[in-house]
């Protein structure tokens, strides 16, 4: 985390093993960030690659 972001961090809280929230001071307001983690299986990665390739054609 950059020094500016560390100074702006008000606090963070884990909601579960895959979700966390963080609050930051921003210019004139407070910002809440929700971070979610979802592990992709190999099948999902192949489907995502296929759909991306299909869209480029």
PDB file of N, CA and C in Angstrom:
ATOM      1  N   UNK A   1       0.854  -1.165   0.000  1.00  0.00           N
ATOM      2  CA  UNK A   1       0.000   0.000   0.000  1.00  0.00           C
ATOM      3  C   UNK A   1       0.907   1.237   0.000  1.00  0.00           C
ATOM      4  N   UNK A   2       0.530   2.213  -0.795  1.00  0.00           N
ATOM      5  CA  UNK A   2       1.330   3.434  -0.870  1.00  0.00           C
ATOM      6  C   UNK A   2       1.216   4.225   0.439  1.00  0.00           C
ATOM      7  N   UNK A   3       2.187   5.083   0.742  1.00  0.00           N
ATOM      8  CA  UNK A   3       2.112   5.886   1.967  1.00  0.00           C
ATOM      9  C   UNK A   3       0.870   6.782   2.002  1.00  0.00           C
ATOM     10  N   UNK A   4       0.479   7.341   0.858  1.00  0.00           N
ATOM     11  CA  UNK A   4      -0.714   8.196   0.818  1.00  0.00           C
ATOM     12  C   UNK A   4      -1.968   7.388   1.154  1.00  0.00           C
ATOM     13  N   UNK A   5      -2.070   6.176   0.616  1.00  0.00           N
ATOM     14  CA  UNK A   5      -3.225   5.330   0.910  1.00  0.00           C
ATOM     15  C   UNK A   5      -3.227   4.898   2.372  1.00  0.00           C
ATOM     16  N   UNK A   6      -2.059   4.588   2.902  1.00  0.00           N
ATOM     17  CA  UNK A   6      -1.969   4.197   4.317  1.00  0.00           C
ATOM     18  C   UNK A   6      -2.411   5.337   5.223  1.00  0.00           C
ATOM     19  N   UNK A   7      -2.058   6.567   4.868  1.00  0.00           N
ATOM     20  CA  UNK A   7      -2.481   7.716   5.665  1.00  0.00           C
ATOM     21  C   UNK A   7      -3.984   7.956   5.553  1.00  0.00           C
ATOM     22  N   UNK A   8      -4.574   7.626   4.403  1.00  0.00           N
ATOM     23  CA  UNK A   8      -5.999   7.852   4.186  1.00  0.00           C
ATOM     24  C   UNK A   8      -6.869   6.747   4.790  1.00  0.00           C
ATOM     25  N   UNK A   9      -6.269   5.592   5.081  1.00  0.00           N
ATOM     26  CA  UNK A   9      -7.028   4.455   5.611  1.00  0.00           C
ATOM     27  C   UNK A   9      -7.601   4.785   6.981  1.00  0.00           C
ATOM     28  N   UNK A  10      -8.918   4.705   7.096  1.00  0.00           N
ATOM     29  CA  UNK A  10      -9.597   4.909   8.378  1.00  0.00           C
ATOM     30  C   UNK A  10      -9.629   3.593   9.141  1.00  0.00           C
ATOM     31  N   UNK A  11      -9.943   2.521   8.426  1.00  0.00           N
ATOM     32  CA  UNK A  11     -10.005   1.204   9.055  1.00  0.00           C
ATOM     33  C   UNK A  11     -10.441   0.152   8.063  1.00  0.00           C
ATOM     34  N   UNK A  12     -10.265  -1.092   8.439  1.00  0.00           N
ATOM     35  CA  UNK A  12     -10.712  -2.194   7.602  1.00  0.00           C
ATOM     36  C   UNK A  12     -11.264  -3.291   8.492  1.00  0.00           C
ATOM     37  N   UNK A  13     -12.116  -4.129   7.888  1.00  0.00           N
ATOM     38  CA  UNK A  13     -12.761  -5.174   8.673  1.00  0.00           C
ATOM     39  C   UNK A  13     -12.983  -6.400   7.797  1.00  0.00           C
ATOM     40  N   UNK A  14     -12.502  -7.558   8.217  1.00  0.00           N
ATOM     41  CA  UNK A  14     -12.813  -8.781   7.475  1.00  0.00           C
ATOM     42  C   UNK A  14     -14.268  -9.184   7.748  1.00  0.00           C
ATOM     43  N   UNK A  15     -15.002  -9.469   6.701  1.00  0.00           N
ATOM     44  CA  UNK A  15     -16.387  -9.921   6.845  1.00  0.00           C
ATOM     45  C   UNK A  15     -16.416 -11.444   6.891  1.00  0.00           C
ATOM     46  N   UNK A  16     -15.598 -12.054   6.039  1.00  0.00           N
ATOM     47  CA  UNK A  16     -15.435 -13.508   6.026  1.00  0.00           C
ATOM     48  C   UNK A  16     -14.043 -13.796   5.479  1.00  0.00           C
ATOM     49  N   UNK A  17     -13.750 -15.052   5.212  1.00  0.00           N
ATOM     50  CA  UNK A  17     -12.428 -15.394   4.681  1.00  0.00           C
ATOM     51  C   UNK A  17     -12.244 -14.902   3.250  1.00  0.00           C
ATOM     52  N   UNK A  18     -13.323 -14.490   2.586  1.00  0.00           N
ATOM     53  CA  UNK A  18     -13.236 -14.054   1.191  1.00  0.00           C
ATOM     54  C   UNK A  18     -13.721 -12.625   0.955  1.00  0.00           C
ATOM     55  N   UNK A  19     -14.186 -11.947   1.981  1.00  0.00           N
ATOM     56  CA  UNK A  19     -14.721 -10.580   1.818  1.00  0.00           C
ATOM     57  C   UNK A  19     -14.146  -9.682   2.912  1.00  0.00           C
ATOM     58  N   UNK A  20     -13.747  -8.466   2.517  1.00  0.00           N
ATOM     59  CA  UNK A  20     -13.301  -7.474   3.490  1.00  0.00           C
ATOM     60  C   UNK A  20     -13.797  -6.098   3.052  1.00  0.00           C
ATOM     61  N   UNK A  21     -13.941  -5.203   4.011  1.00  0.00           N
ATOM     62  CA  UNK A  21     -14.294  -3.822   3.710  1.00  0.00           C
ATOM     63  C   UNK A  21     -13.192  -2.911   4.241  1.00  0.00           C
ATOM     64  N   UNK A  22     -13.002  -1.790   3.573  1.00  0.00           N
ATOM     65  CA  UNK A  22     -12.022  -0.793   4.004  1.00  0.00           C
ATOM     66  C   UNK A  22     -12.634   0.587   3.818  1.00  0.00           C
ATOM     67  N   UNK A  23     -12.320   1.521   4.741  1.00  0.00           N
ATOM     68  CA  UNK A  23     -12.805   2.905   4.644  1.00  0.00           C
ATOM     69  C   UNK A  23     -11.612   3.827   4.526  1.00  0.00           C
ATOM     70  N   UNK A  24     -11.719   4.766   3.586  1.00  0.00           N
ATOM     71  CA  UNK A  24     -10.650   5.718   3.331  1.00  0.00           C
ATOM     72  C   UNK A  24     -11.189   7.133   3.380  1.00  0.00           C
ATOM     73  N   UNK A  25     -10.340   8.068   3.837  1.00  0.00           N
ATOM     74  CA  UNK A  25     -10.636   9.491   3.695  1.00  0.00           C
ATOM     75  C   UNK A  25     -10.244   9.888   2.285  1.00  0.00           C
ATOM     76  N   UNK A  26     -11.145  10.550   1.598  1.00  0.00           N
ATOM     77  CA  UNK A  26     -10.865  11.037   0.252  1.00  0.00           C
ATOM     78  C   UNK A  26     -11.073  12.545   0.258  1.00  0.00           C
ATOM     79  N   UNK A  27     -10.918  13.174  -0.865  1.00  0.00           N
ATOM     80  CA  UNK A  27     -11.079  14.623  -0.951  1.00  0.00           C
ATOM     81  C   UNK A  27     -12.527  15.008  -0.650  1.00  0.00           C
ATOM     82  N   UNK A  28     -12.767  15.431   0.586  1.00  0.00           N
ATOM     83  CA  UNK A  28     -14.093  15.905   0.968  1.00  0.00           C
ATOM     84  C   UNK A  28     -15.119  14.845   1.284  1.00  0.00           C
ATOM     85  N   UNK A  29     -14.755  13.577   1.236  1.00  0.00           N
ATOM     86  CA  UNK A  29     -15.730  12.510   1.540  1.00  0.00           C
ATOM     87  C   UNK A  29     -15.004  11.263   2.013  1.00  0.00           C
ATOM     88  N   UNK A  30     -15.760  10.343   2.549  1.00  0.00           N
ATOM     89  CA  UNK A  30     -15.221   9.049   2.960  1.00  0.00           C
ATOM     90  C   UNK A  30     -15.659   8.004   1.935  1.00  0.00           C
ATOM     91  N   UNK A  31     -14.776   7.079   1.615  1.00  0.00           N
ATOM     92  CA  UNK A  31     -15.034   6.073   0.597  1.00  0.00           C
ATOM     93  C   UNK A  31     -14.950   4.693   1.234  1.00  0.00           C
ATOM     94  N   UNK A  32     -15.931   3.850   0.936  1.00  0.00           N
ATOM     95  CA  UNK A  32     -15.917   2.457   1.388  1.00  0.00           C
ATOM     96  C   UNK A  32     -15.605   1.559   0.201  1.00  0.00           C
ATOM     97  N   UNK A  33     -14.700   0.615   0.402  1.00  0.00           N
ATOM     98  CA  UNK A  33     -14.314  -0.352  -0.620  1.00  0.00           C
ATOM     99  C   UNK A  33     -14.666  -1.739  -0.095  1.00  0.00           C
ATOM    100  N   UNK A  34     -15.290  -2.536  -0.938  1.00  0.00           N
ATOM    101  CA  UNK A  34     -15.583  -3.928  -0.607  1.00  0.00           C
ATOM    102  C   UNK A  34     -14.753  -4.791  -1.540  1.00  0.00           C
ATOM    103  N   UNK A  35     -13.905  -5.629  -0.990  1.00  0.00           N
ATOM    104  CA  UNK A  35     -13.045  -6.508  -1.768  1.00  0.00           C
ATOM    105  C   UNK A  35     -13.531  -7.931  -1.610  1.00  0.00           C
ATOM    106  N   UNK A  36     -13.802  -8.604  -2.726  1.00  0.00           N
ATOM    107  CA  UNK A  36     -14.254  -9.996  -2.716  1.00  0.00           C
ATOM    108  C   UNK A  36     -13.255 -10.858  -3.473  1.00  0.00           C
ATOM    109  N   UNK A  37     -13.035 -12.051  -3.002  1.00  0.00           N
ATOM    110  CA  UNK A  37     -12.136 -12.997  -3.651  1.00  0.00           C
ATOM    111  C   UNK A  37     -12.931 -14.243  -3.993  1.00  0.00           C
ATOM    112  N   UNK A  38     -12.839 -14.646  -5.250  1.00  0.00           N
ATOM    113  CA  UNK A  38     -13.475 -15.887  -5.690  1.00  0.00           C
ATOM    114  C   UNK A  38     -12.464 -16.648  -6.530  1.00  0.00           C
ATOM    115  N   UNK A  39     -12.070 -17.790  -6.068  1.00  0.00           N
ATOM    116  CA  UNK A  39     -11.086 -18.589  -6.773  1.00  0.00           C
ATOM    117  C   UNK A  39     -11.713 -19.164  -8.041  1.00  0.00           C
ATOM    118  N   UNK A  40     -10.984 -19.072  -9.138  1.00  0.00           N
ATOM    119  CA  UNK A  40     -11.456 -19.629 -10.399  1.00  0.00           C
ATOM    120  C   UNK A  40     -10.951 -21.051 -10.556  1.00  0.00           C
ATOM    121  N   UNK A  41     -11.820 -21.932 -11.008  1.00  0.00           N
ATOM    122  CA  UNK A  41     -11.393 -23.285 -11.326  1.00  0.00           C
ATOM    123  C   UNK A  41     -10.803 -23.285 -12.727  1.00  0.00           C
ATOM    124  N   UNK A  42     -10.123 -24.334 -13.088  1.00  0.00           N
ATOM    125  CA  UNK A  42      -9.531 -24.427 -14.429  1.00  0.00           C
ATOM    126  C   UNK A  42     -10.612 -24.356 -15.501  1.00  0.00           C
ATOM    127  N   UNK A  43     -11.762 -24.974 -15.274  1.00  0.00           N
ATOM    128  CA  UNK A  43     -12.857 -24.941 -16.245  1.00  0.00           C
ATOM    129  C   UNK A  43     -13.327 -23.503 -16.452  1.00  0.00           C
ATOM    130  N   UNK A  44     -13.466 -22.736 -15.380  1.00  0.00           N
ATOM    131  CA  UNK A  44     -13.904 -21.344 -15.498  1.00  0.00           C
ATOM    132  C   UNK A  44     -12.865 -20.517 -16.250  1.00  0.00           C
ATOM    133  N   UNK A  45     -11.575 -20.784 -16.005  1.00  0.00           N
ATOM    134  CA  UNK A  45     -10.510 -20.065 -16.703  1.00  0.00           C
ATOM    135  C   UNK A  45     -10.565 -20.356 -18.204  1.00  0.00           C
ATOM    136  N   UNK A  46     -10.808 -21.630 -18.569  1.00  0.00           N
ATOM    137  CA  UNK A  46     -10.900 -21.987 -19.983  1.00  0.00           C
ATOM    138  C   UNK A  46     -12.103 -21.317 -20.633  1.00  0.00           C
ATOM    139  N   UNK A  47     -13.242 -21.284 -19.929  1.00  0.00           N
ATOM    140  CA  UNK A  47     -14.437 -20.632 -20.472  1.00  0.00           C
ATOM    141  C   UNK A  47     -14.199 -19.146 -20.658  1.00  0.00           C
ATOM    142  N   UNK A  48     -13.537 -18.501 -19.703  1.00  0.00           N
ATOM    143  CA  UNK A  48     -13.260 -17.077 -19.805  1.00  0.00           C
ATOM    144  C   UNK A  48     -12.327 -16.808 -20.979  1.00  0.00           C
ATOM    145  N   UNK A  49     -11.300 -17.644 -21.150  1.00  0.00           N
ATOM    146  CA  UNK A  49     -10.370 -17.480 -22.265  1.00  0.00           C
ATOM    147  C   UNK A  49     -11.103 -17.664 -23.587  1.00  0.00           C
ATOM    148  N   UNK A  50     -11.978 -18.654 -23.667  1.00  0.00           N
ATOM    149  CA  UNK A  50     -12.740 -18.926 -24.892  1.00  0.00           C
ATOM    150  C   UNK A  50     -13.660 -17.745 -25.220  1.00  0.00           C
ATOM    151  N   UNK A  51     -14.357 -17.212 -24.234  1.00  0.00           N
ATOM    152  CA  UNK A  51     -15.278 -16.104 -24.495  1.00  0.00           C
ATOM    153  C   UNK A  51     -14.515 -14.839 -24.883  1.00  0.00           C
ATOM    154  N   UNK A  52     -13.339 -14.612 -24.295  1.00  0.00           N
ATOM    155  CA  UNK A  52     -12.525 -13.452 -24.661  1.00  0.00           C
ATOM    156  C   UNK A  52     -12.019 -13.588 -26.082  1.00  0.00           C
ATOM    157  N   UNK A  53     -11.571 -14.788 -26.455  1.00  0.00           N
ATOM    158  CA  UNK A  53     -11.096 -15.035 -27.808  1.00  0.00           C
ATOM    159  C   UNK A  53     -12.240 -14.874 -28.801  1.00  0.00           C
ATOM    160  N   UNK A  54     -13.417 -15.369 -28.449  1.00  0.00           N
ATOM    161  CA  UNK A  54     -14.595 -15.273 -29.317  1.00  0.00           C
ATOM    162  C   UNK A  54     -14.991 -13.818 -29.535  1.00  0.00           C
ATOM    163  N   UNK A  55     -14.906 -12.987 -28.519  1.00  0.00           N
ATOM    164  CA  UNK A  55     -15.277 -11.580 -28.631  1.00  0.00           C
ATOM    165  C   UNK A  55     -14.312 -10.799 -29.527  1.00  0.00           C
ATOM    166  N   UNK A  56     -13.051 -11.216 -29.581  1.00  0.00           N
ATOM    167  CA  UNK A  56     -12.054 -10.509 -30.383  1.00  0.00           C
ATOM    168  C   UNK A  56     -12.218 -10.772 -31.868  1.00  0.00           C
ATOM    169  N   UNK A  57     -12.893 -11.861 -32.225  1.00  0.00           N
ATOM    170  CA  UNK A  57     -13.026 -12.235 -33.638  1.00  0.00           C
ATOM    171  C   UNK A  57     -14.043 -11.426 -34.361  1.00  0.00           C
TER     172      UNK A  57
END
